[in-house]
């Protein structure tokens, strides 16, 4: 078991109830979609997994480590095992593709020799070989998202979190990014993807957890999707 939520609730200081009594488990190697309308709690849940947010009540475990009881000094260690892909890419505009990906390894003090070989490996994995020296503004939206995915993979994470990774892309490009994420999952990385893109979800045949007003309202295995 890689991820466990036990009776997790989150109420923000302004009184907004983002999550209410959420319990779920995600196995190593799974690909799981998080769905639901805006404000359903998807982003809050993903932020809790890399300890940007903490629950008001309940327990969360990632790789058997309690995120609630985790000390501040342990958070960077947790984040080394988690890659995050964002809707708006969050690339460093003044750095090349190579430098953007390498930055993820520099912040954890990776050895120079290991860094170079791994950066080139993940750039090739996401289909950007030959673009190492390009800057973000020279890339298409889909290529920028591929850089974001490469950066998230640089440190060989146990868990890849993708928060609306296709939200700013056209459907053809979104399908290409979706196939890349599925391929990463097939290679063994657990993937949790928050999305509104039902067409992509239907085509992927993976587990779908749906949130509404902070509650889990359905948890469908791949075989159950044909009923939708």
C-alpha atoms as a PDB file:
ATOM      1  CA  UNK A   1       0.000   0.000   0.000  1.00  0.00           C
ATOM      2  CA  UNK A   2       1.479   3.365  -1.016  1.00  0.00           C
ATOM      3  CA  UNK A   3      -1.185   5.951  -0.043  1.00  0.00           C
ATOM      4  CA  UNK A   4      -3.695   5.767   2.807  1.00  0.00           C
ATOM      5  CA  UNK A   5      -6.249   8.375   3.905  1.00  0.00           C
ATOM      6  CA  UNK A   6      -8.093   7.679   7.168  1.00  0.00           C
ATOM      7  CA  UNK A   7     -11.125   9.887   7.958  1.00  0.00           C
ATOM      8  CA  UNK A   8      -9.405  12.981   6.567  1.00  0.00           C
ATOM      9  CA  UNK A   9     -11.152  16.353   6.817  1.00  0.00           C
ATOM     10  CA  UNK A  10      -9.851  19.802   5.929  1.00  0.00           C
ATOM     11  CA  UNK A  11     -11.427  23.100   6.959  1.00  0.00           C
ATOM     12  CA  UNK A  12      -9.562  26.231   5.893  1.00  0.00           C
ATOM     13  CA  UNK A  13      -9.234  29.282   8.133  1.00  0.00           C
ATOM     14  CA  UNK A  14     -11.953  31.077   6.129  1.00  0.00           C
ATOM     15  CA  UNK A  15     -14.407  28.314   7.053  1.00  0.00           C
ATOM     16  CA  UNK A  16     -14.380  26.525   3.678  1.00  0.00           C
ATOM     17  CA  UNK A  17     -14.727  22.765   4.145  1.00  0.00           C
ATOM     18  CA  UNK A  18     -12.498  21.271   1.442  1.00  0.00           C
ATOM     19  CA  UNK A  19     -12.561  17.608   2.510  1.00  0.00           C
ATOM     20  CA  UNK A  20     -14.928  15.719   4.782  1.00  0.00           C
ATOM     21  CA  UNK A  21     -14.183  12.304   6.273  1.00  0.00           C
ATOM     22  CA  UNK A  22     -12.244  10.943   3.282  1.00  0.00           C
ATOM     23  CA  UNK A  23     -10.903   7.397   3.581  1.00  0.00           C
ATOM     24  CA  UNK A  24      -9.183   5.570   0.708  1.00  0.00           C
ATOM     25  CA  UNK A  25      -6.176   3.419  -0.154  1.00  0.00           C
ATOM     26  CA  UNK A  26      -4.005   3.388  -3.276  1.00  0.00           C
ATOM     27  CA  UNK A  27      -1.667   0.493  -4.031  1.00  0.00           C
ATOM     28  CA  UNK A  28       1.847   0.787  -5.409  1.00  0.00           C
ATOM     29  CA  UNK A  29       1.756   0.748  -9.204  1.00  0.00           C
ATOM     30  CA  UNK A  30      -1.854   1.945  -9.536  1.00  0.00           C
ATOM     31  CA  UNK A  31      -3.038   4.674 -11.874  1.00  0.00           C
ATOM     32  CA  UNK A  32      -5.879   6.595 -10.229  1.00  0.00           C
ATOM     33  CA  UNK A  33      -7.949   9.480 -11.556  1.00  0.00           C
ATOM     34  CA  UNK A  34      -9.411  12.068  -9.184  1.00  0.00           C
ATOM     35  CA  UNK A  35     -12.537  13.639 -10.657  1.00  0.00           C
ATOM     36  CA  UNK A  36     -15.190  16.082  -9.542  1.00  0.00           C
ATOM     37  CA  UNK A  37     -16.359  19.666 -10.127  1.00  0.00           C
ATOM     38  CA  UNK A  38     -14.251  22.701  -9.266  1.00  0.00           C
ATOM     39  CA  UNK A  39     -14.103  23.061  -5.497  1.00  0.00           C
ATOM     40  CA  UNK A  40     -14.722  19.351  -4.914  1.00  0.00           C
ATOM     41  CA  UNK A  41     -11.443  18.944  -3.004  1.00  0.00           C
ATOM     42  CA  UNK A  42      -9.158  17.408  -5.648  1.00  0.00           C
ATOM     43  CA  UNK A  43      -6.359  19.970  -5.343  1.00  0.00           C
ATOM     44  CA  UNK A  44      -6.522  19.939  -1.549  1.00  0.00           C
ATOM     45  CA  UNK A  45      -6.114  16.177  -1.580  1.00  0.00           C
ATOM     46  CA  UNK A  46      -3.123  16.249  -3.936  1.00  0.00           C
ATOM     47  CA  UNK A  47      -1.447  19.047  -1.952  1.00  0.00           C
ATOM     48  CA  UNK A  48      -1.786  16.974   1.195  1.00  0.00           C
ATOM     49  CA  UNK A  49       0.203  14.169  -0.423  1.00  0.00           C
ATOM     50  CA  UNK A  50       3.325  16.325  -0.680  1.00  0.00           C
ATOM     51  CA  UNK A  51       2.592  18.113   2.589  1.00  0.00           C
ATOM     52  CA  UNK A  52       1.748  21.541   1.192  1.00  0.00           C
ATOM     53  CA  UNK A  53      -1.493  21.226   3.158  1.00  0.00           C
ATOM     54  CA  UNK A  54      -2.233  19.265   6.338  1.00  0.00           C
ATOM     55  CA  UNK A  55      -5.591  17.839   7.434  1.00  0.00           C
ATOM     56  CA  UNK A  56      -7.712  19.385  10.167  1.00  0.00           C
ATOM     57  CA  UNK A  57      -8.550  15.850  11.256  1.00  0.00           C
ATOM     58  CA  UNK A  58      -7.539  12.323  10.270  1.00  0.00           C
ATOM     59  CA  UNK A  59      -4.375  10.547   9.190  1.00  0.00           C
ATOM     60  CA  UNK A  60      -2.477  10.307   5.898  1.00  0.00           C
ATOM     61  CA  UNK A  61       0.292   7.808   5.154  1.00  0.00           C
ATOM     62  CA  UNK A  62       2.601   7.715   2.136  1.00  0.00           C
ATOM     63  CA  UNK A  63       4.909   4.704   1.945  1.00  0.00           C
ATOM     64  CA  UNK A  64       3.949   3.893   5.575  1.00  0.00           C
ATOM     65  CA  UNK A  65       5.078   7.342   6.830  1.00  0.00           C
ATOM     66  CA  UNK A  66       2.557   9.506   8.670  1.00  0.00           C
ATOM     67  CA  UNK A  67       2.341  12.930   7.030  1.00  0.00           C
ATOM     68  CA  UNK A  68       0.452  14.287  10.037  1.00  0.00           C
ATOM     69  CA  UNK A  69       3.153  13.385  12.530  1.00  0.00           C
ATOM     70  CA  UNK A  70       5.984  14.212  10.145  1.00  0.00           C
ATOM     71  CA  UNK A  71       8.477  16.831  11.363  1.00  0.00           C
ATOM     72  CA  UNK A  72       9.283  19.836   9.193  1.00  0.00           C
ATOM     73  CA  UNK A  73      12.830  18.644   8.591  1.00  0.00           C
ATOM     74  CA  UNK A  74      11.440  15.390   7.137  1.00  0.00           C
ATOM     75  CA  UNK A  75       9.297  17.105   4.497  1.00  0.00           C
ATOM     76  CA  UNK A  76      12.122  17.557   1.939  1.00  0.00           C
ATOM     77  CA  UNK A  77      12.861  13.827   2.198  1.00  0.00           C
ATOM     78  CA  UNK A  78       9.193  13.047   1.490  1.00  0.00           C
ATOM     79  CA  UNK A  79       9.158  15.356  -1.523  1.00  0.00           C
ATOM     80  CA  UNK A  80      12.145  13.608  -3.081  1.00  0.00           C
ATOM     81  CA  UNK A  81       9.933  10.542  -3.483  1.00  0.00           C
ATOM     82  CA  UNK A  82       7.055  12.480  -5.069  1.00  0.00           C
ATOM     83  CA  UNK A  83       6.967  14.148  -8.493  1.00  0.00           C
ATOM     84  CA  UNK A  84       4.364  16.829  -9.207  1.00  0.00           C
ATOM     85  CA  UNK A  85       3.084  17.976 -12.624  1.00  0.00           C
ATOM     86  CA  UNK A  86       1.044  21.198 -12.765  1.00  0.00           C
ATOM     87  CA  UNK A  87      -1.557  22.543 -15.199  1.00  0.00           C
ATOM     88  CA  UNK A  88       0.433  25.744 -15.813  1.00  0.00           C
ATOM     89  CA  UNK A  89       3.782  23.915 -16.205  1.00  0.00           C
ATOM     90  CA  UNK A  90       5.685  26.137 -13.674  1.00  0.00           C
ATOM     91  CA  UNK A  91       8.871  26.090 -15.744  1.00  0.00           C
ATOM     92  CA  UNK A  92      11.757  28.485 -15.125  1.00  0.00           C
ATOM     93  CA  UNK A  93      11.585  30.771 -18.162  1.00  0.00           C
ATOM     94  CA  UNK A  94      15.269  31.746 -18.062  1.00  0.00           C
ATOM     95  CA  UNK A  95      16.469  28.135 -18.052  1.00  0.00           C
ATOM     96  CA  UNK A  96      16.721  25.647 -20.909  1.00  0.00           C
ATOM     97  CA  UNK A  97      14.908  22.316 -21.027  1.00  0.00           C
ATOM     98  CA  UNK A  98      18.041  20.613 -19.686  1.00  0.00           C
ATOM     99  CA  UNK A  99      18.456  23.181 -16.902  1.00  0.00           C
ATOM    100  CA  UNK A 100      14.787  22.978 -15.873  1.00  0.00           C
ATOM    101  CA  UNK A 101      14.992  19.223 -15.475  1.00  0.00           C
ATOM    102  CA  UNK A 102      18.419  19.346 -13.829  1.00  0.00           C
ATOM    103  CA  UNK A 103      17.180  21.867 -11.275  1.00  0.00           C
ATOM    104  CA  UNK A 104      15.000  19.182  -9.649  1.00  0.00           C
ATOM    105  CA  UNK A 105      18.121  17.125  -9.006  1.00  0.00           C
ATOM    106  CA  UNK A 106      20.274  20.053  -7.924  1.00  0.00           C
ATOM    107  CA  UNK A 107      17.967  20.926  -5.048  1.00  0.00           C
ATOM    108  CA  UNK A 108      18.554  17.481  -3.512  1.00  0.00           C
ATOM    109  CA  UNK A 109      22.319  17.606  -4.058  1.00  0.00           C
ATOM    110  CA  UNK A 110      22.603  14.934  -6.766  1.00  0.00           C
ATOM    111  CA  UNK A 111      26.109  14.091  -7.975  1.00  0.00           C
ATOM    112  CA  UNK A 112      27.061  15.890 -11.212  1.00  0.00           C
ATOM    113  CA  UNK A 113      27.742  12.670 -13.142  1.00  0.00           C
ATOM    114  CA  UNK A 114      24.464  11.078 -12.030  1.00  0.00           C
ATOM    115  CA  UNK A 115      22.590  14.277 -12.793  1.00  0.00           C
ATOM    116  CA  UNK A 116      23.697  14.550 -16.416  1.00  0.00           C
ATOM    117  CA  UNK A 117      22.912  10.954 -17.336  1.00  0.00           C
ATOM    118  CA  UNK A 118      19.519  11.002 -15.599  1.00  0.00           C
ATOM    119  CA  UNK A 119      18.483  14.355 -17.094  1.00  0.00           C
ATOM    120  CA  UNK A 120      19.261  13.160 -20.627  1.00  0.00           C
ATOM    121  CA  UNK A 121      17.450   9.885 -19.892  1.00  0.00           C
ATOM    122  CA  UNK A 122      14.177  11.505 -18.828  1.00  0.00           C
ATOM    123  CA  UNK A 123      14.309  14.111 -21.616  1.00  0.00           C
ATOM    124  CA  UNK A 124      14.482  11.242 -24.088  1.00  0.00           C
ATOM    125  CA  UNK A 125      11.751   9.359 -22.204  1.00  0.00           C
ATOM    126  CA  UNK A 126       9.272  12.230 -22.640  1.00  0.00           C
ATOM    127  CA  UNK A 127      10.099  12.618 -26.344  1.00  0.00           C
ATOM    128  CA  UNK A 128      12.154  15.827 -26.232  1.00  0.00           C
ATOM    129  CA  UNK A 129      15.555  14.576 -27.388  1.00  0.00           C
ATOM    130  CA  UNK A 130      17.138  17.389 -29.411  1.00  0.00           C
ATOM    131  CA  UNK A 131      15.307  20.096 -27.432  1.00  0.00           C
ATOM    132  CA  UNK A 132      17.756  20.130 -24.494  1.00  0.00           C
ATOM    133  CA  UNK A 133      18.954  23.680 -25.211  1.00  0.00           C
ATOM    134  CA  UNK A 134      15.549  25.185 -26.008  1.00  0.00           C
ATOM    135  CA  UNK A 135      13.902  27.677 -23.671  1.00  0.00           C
ATOM    136  CA  UNK A 136      10.254  27.334 -22.574  1.00  0.00           C
ATOM    137  CA  UNK A 137       9.048  30.182 -24.809  1.00  0.00           C
ATOM    138  CA  UNK A 138      10.414  28.273 -27.824  1.00  0.00           C
ATOM    139  CA  UNK A 139       8.256  25.224 -27.060  1.00  0.00           C
ATOM    140  CA  UNK A 140       4.599  24.389 -27.675  1.00  0.00           C
ATOM    141  CA  UNK A 141       2.259  23.882 -24.723  1.00  0.00           C
ATOM    142  CA  UNK A 142       2.502  20.128 -25.061  1.00  0.00           C
ATOM    143  CA  UNK A 143       6.298  20.265 -25.142  1.00  0.00           C
ATOM    144  CA  UNK A 144       6.334  22.487 -22.052  1.00  0.00           C
ATOM    145  CA  UNK A 145       4.197  19.950 -20.215  1.00  0.00           C
ATOM    146  CA  UNK A 146       6.597  17.198 -21.284  1.00  0.00           C
ATOM    147  CA  UNK A 147       9.404  19.203 -19.667  1.00  0.00           C
ATOM    148  CA  UNK A 148       7.284  19.417 -16.510  1.00  0.00           C
ATOM    149  CA  UNK A 149       6.825  15.645 -16.548  1.00  0.00           C
ATOM    150  CA  UNK A 150      10.545  15.055 -17.128  1.00  0.00           C
ATOM    151  CA  UNK A 151      11.359  17.323 -14.191  1.00  0.00           C
ATOM    152  CA  UNK A 152       8.875  15.433 -11.992  1.00  0.00           C
ATOM    153  CA  UNK A 153      10.504  12.115 -12.954  1.00  0.00           C
ATOM    154  CA  UNK A 154      14.120  13.227 -12.519  1.00  0.00           C
ATOM    155  CA  UNK A 155      14.487  11.891  -8.974  1.00  0.00           C
ATOM    156  CA  UNK A 156      12.778   8.545  -9.714  1.00  0.00           C
ATOM    157  CA  UNK A 157       9.669   9.206  -7.596  1.00  0.00           C
ATOM    158  CA  UNK A 158       7.543   6.460  -6.074  1.00  0.00           C
ATOM    159  CA  UNK A 159       4.488   8.619  -6.749  1.00  0.00           C
ATOM    160  CA  UNK A 160       3.699  11.021  -9.592  1.00  0.00           C
ATOM    161  CA  UNK A 161       0.914  13.547  -8.929  1.00  0.00           C
ATOM    162  CA  UNK A 162      -0.547  15.270 -11.989  1.00  0.00           C
ATOM    163  CA  UNK A 163      -2.917  18.144 -11.163  1.00  0.00           C
ATOM    164  CA  UNK A 164      -4.985  18.907 -14.295  1.00  0.00           C
ATOM    165  CA  UNK A 165      -1.931  18.249 -16.525  1.00  0.00           C
ATOM    166  CA  UNK A 166      -3.933  18.532 -19.757  1.00  0.00           C
ATOM    167  CA  UNK A 167      -6.122  21.471 -18.718  1.00  0.00           C
ATOM    168  CA  UNK A 168      -4.327  24.015 -20.931  1.00  0.00           C
ATOM    169  CA  UNK A 169      -3.868  21.729 -23.936  1.00  0.00           C
ATOM    170  CA  UNK A 170      -5.916  20.893 -27.037  1.00  0.00           C
ATOM    171  CA  UNK A 171      -7.422  17.401 -27.193  1.00  0.00           C
ATOM    172  CA  UNK A 172      -4.802  15.850 -29.499  1.00  0.00           C
ATOM    173  CA  UNK A 173      -1.947  17.125 -27.336  1.00  0.00           C
ATOM    174  CA  UNK A 174      -3.831  16.101 -24.192  1.00  0.00           C
ATOM    175  CA  UNK A 175      -4.123  12.541 -25.538  1.00  0.00           C
ATOM    176  CA  UNK A 176      -0.359  12.486 -26.184  1.00  0.00           C
ATOM    177  CA  UNK A 177       0.351  13.620 -22.609  1.00  0.00           C
ATOM    178  CA  UNK A 178      -2.143  11.059 -21.301  1.00  0.00           C
ATOM    179  CA  UNK A 179      -0.380   8.262 -23.187  1.00  0.00           C
ATOM    180  CA  UNK A 180       2.957   9.411 -21.780  1.00  0.00           C
ATOM    181  CA  UNK A 181       1.591   9.276 -18.219  1.00  0.00           C
ATOM    182  CA  UNK A 182       0.157   5.806 -18.841  1.00  0.00           C
ATOM    183  CA  UNK A 183       3.527   4.656 -20.166  1.00  0.00           C
ATOM    184  CA  UNK A 184       5.256   6.014 -17.056  1.00  0.00           C
ATOM    185  CA  UNK A 185       2.751   4.047 -14.968  1.00  0.00           C
ATOM    186  CA  UNK A 186       3.413   0.878 -16.967  1.00  0.00           C
ATOM    187  CA  UNK A 187       7.087   1.247 -16.048  1.00  0.00           C
ATOM    188  CA  UNK A 188       6.120   1.027 -12.351  1.00  0.00           C
ATOM    189  CA  UNK A 189       5.462   4.570 -11.086  1.00  0.00           C
ATOM    190  CA  UNK A 190       2.208   5.106  -9.181  1.00  0.00           C
ATOM    191  CA  UNK A 191       0.222   7.958 -10.782  1.00  0.00           C
ATOM    192  CA  UNK A 192      -2.584  10.052  -9.293  1.00  0.00           C
ATOM    193  CA  UNK A 193      -4.135  12.428 -11.820  1.00  0.00           C
ATOM    194  CA  UNK A 194      -6.722  15.091 -11.010  1.00  0.00           C
ATOM    195  CA  UNK A 195      -8.711  15.988 -14.107  1.00  0.00           C
ATOM    196  CA  UNK A 196     -12.012  17.142 -15.609  1.00  0.00           C
ATOM    197  CA  UNK A 197     -11.292  15.404 -18.934  1.00  0.00           C
ATOM    198  CA  UNK A 198     -13.855  12.603 -18.962  1.00  0.00           C
ATOM    199  CA  UNK A 199     -12.980  11.511 -22.520  1.00  0.00           C
ATOM    200  CA  UNK A 200      -9.385  10.853 -21.458  1.00  0.00           C
ATOM    201  CA  UNK A 201     -10.561   9.040 -18.339  1.00  0.00           C
ATOM    202  CA  UNK A 202     -12.940   6.762 -20.244  1.00  0.00           C
ATOM    203  CA  UNK A 203     -10.261   5.814 -22.775  1.00  0.00           C
ATOM    204  CA  UNK A 204      -7.657   4.978 -20.105  1.00  0.00           C
ATOM    205  CA  UNK A 205      -9.659   2.248 -18.278  1.00  0.00           C
ATOM    206  CA  UNK A 206      -8.189   3.017 -14.860  1.00  0.00           C
ATOM    207  CA  UNK A 207      -9.607   3.461 -11.361  1.00  0.00           C
ATOM    208  CA  UNK A 208     -11.683   6.644 -10.899  1.00  0.00           C
ATOM    209  CA  UNK A 209     -12.326   8.309  -7.528  1.00  0.00           C
ATOM    210  CA  UNK A 210     -14.944  11.057  -7.702  1.00  0.00           C
ATOM    211  CA  UNK A 211     -15.205  13.848  -5.129  1.00  0.00           C
ATOM    212  CA  UNK A 212     -18.102  16.226  -4.592  1.00  0.00           C
ATOM    213  CA  UNK A 213     -18.181  18.906  -1.894  1.00  0.00           C
ATOM    214  CA  UNK A 214     -15.218  17.314  -0.166  1.00  0.00           C
ATOM    215  CA  UNK A 215     -16.640  13.790   0.002  1.00  0.00           C
ATOM    216  CA  UNK A 216     -15.822  10.640  -1.963  1.00  0.00           C
ATOM    217  CA  UNK A 217     -19.059   9.908  -3.822  1.00  0.00           C
ATOM    218  CA  UNK A 218     -17.781   7.026  -5.948  1.00  0.00           C
ATOM    219  CA  UNK A 219     -14.708   4.830  -6.340  1.00  0.00           C
ATOM    220  CA  UNK A 220     -14.888   2.859  -9.578  1.00  0.00           C
ATOM    221  CA  UNK A 221     -12.566   0.055 -10.635  1.00  0.00           C
ATOM    222  CA  UNK A 222     -11.633  -0.049 -14.371  1.00  0.00           C
ATOM    223  CA  UNK A 223     -14.272  -2.693 -15.094  1.00  0.00           C
ATOM    224  CA  UNK A 224     -17.019  -0.495 -13.595  1.00  0.00           C
ATOM    225  CA  UNK A 225     -16.475   2.408 -16.027  1.00  0.00           C
ATOM    226  CA  UNK A 226     -18.561   0.736 -18.737  1.00  0.00           C
ATOM    227  CA  UNK A 227     -21.554   1.342 -16.473  1.00  0.00           C
ATOM    228  CA  UNK A 228     -21.058   5.132 -16.711  1.00  0.00           C
END
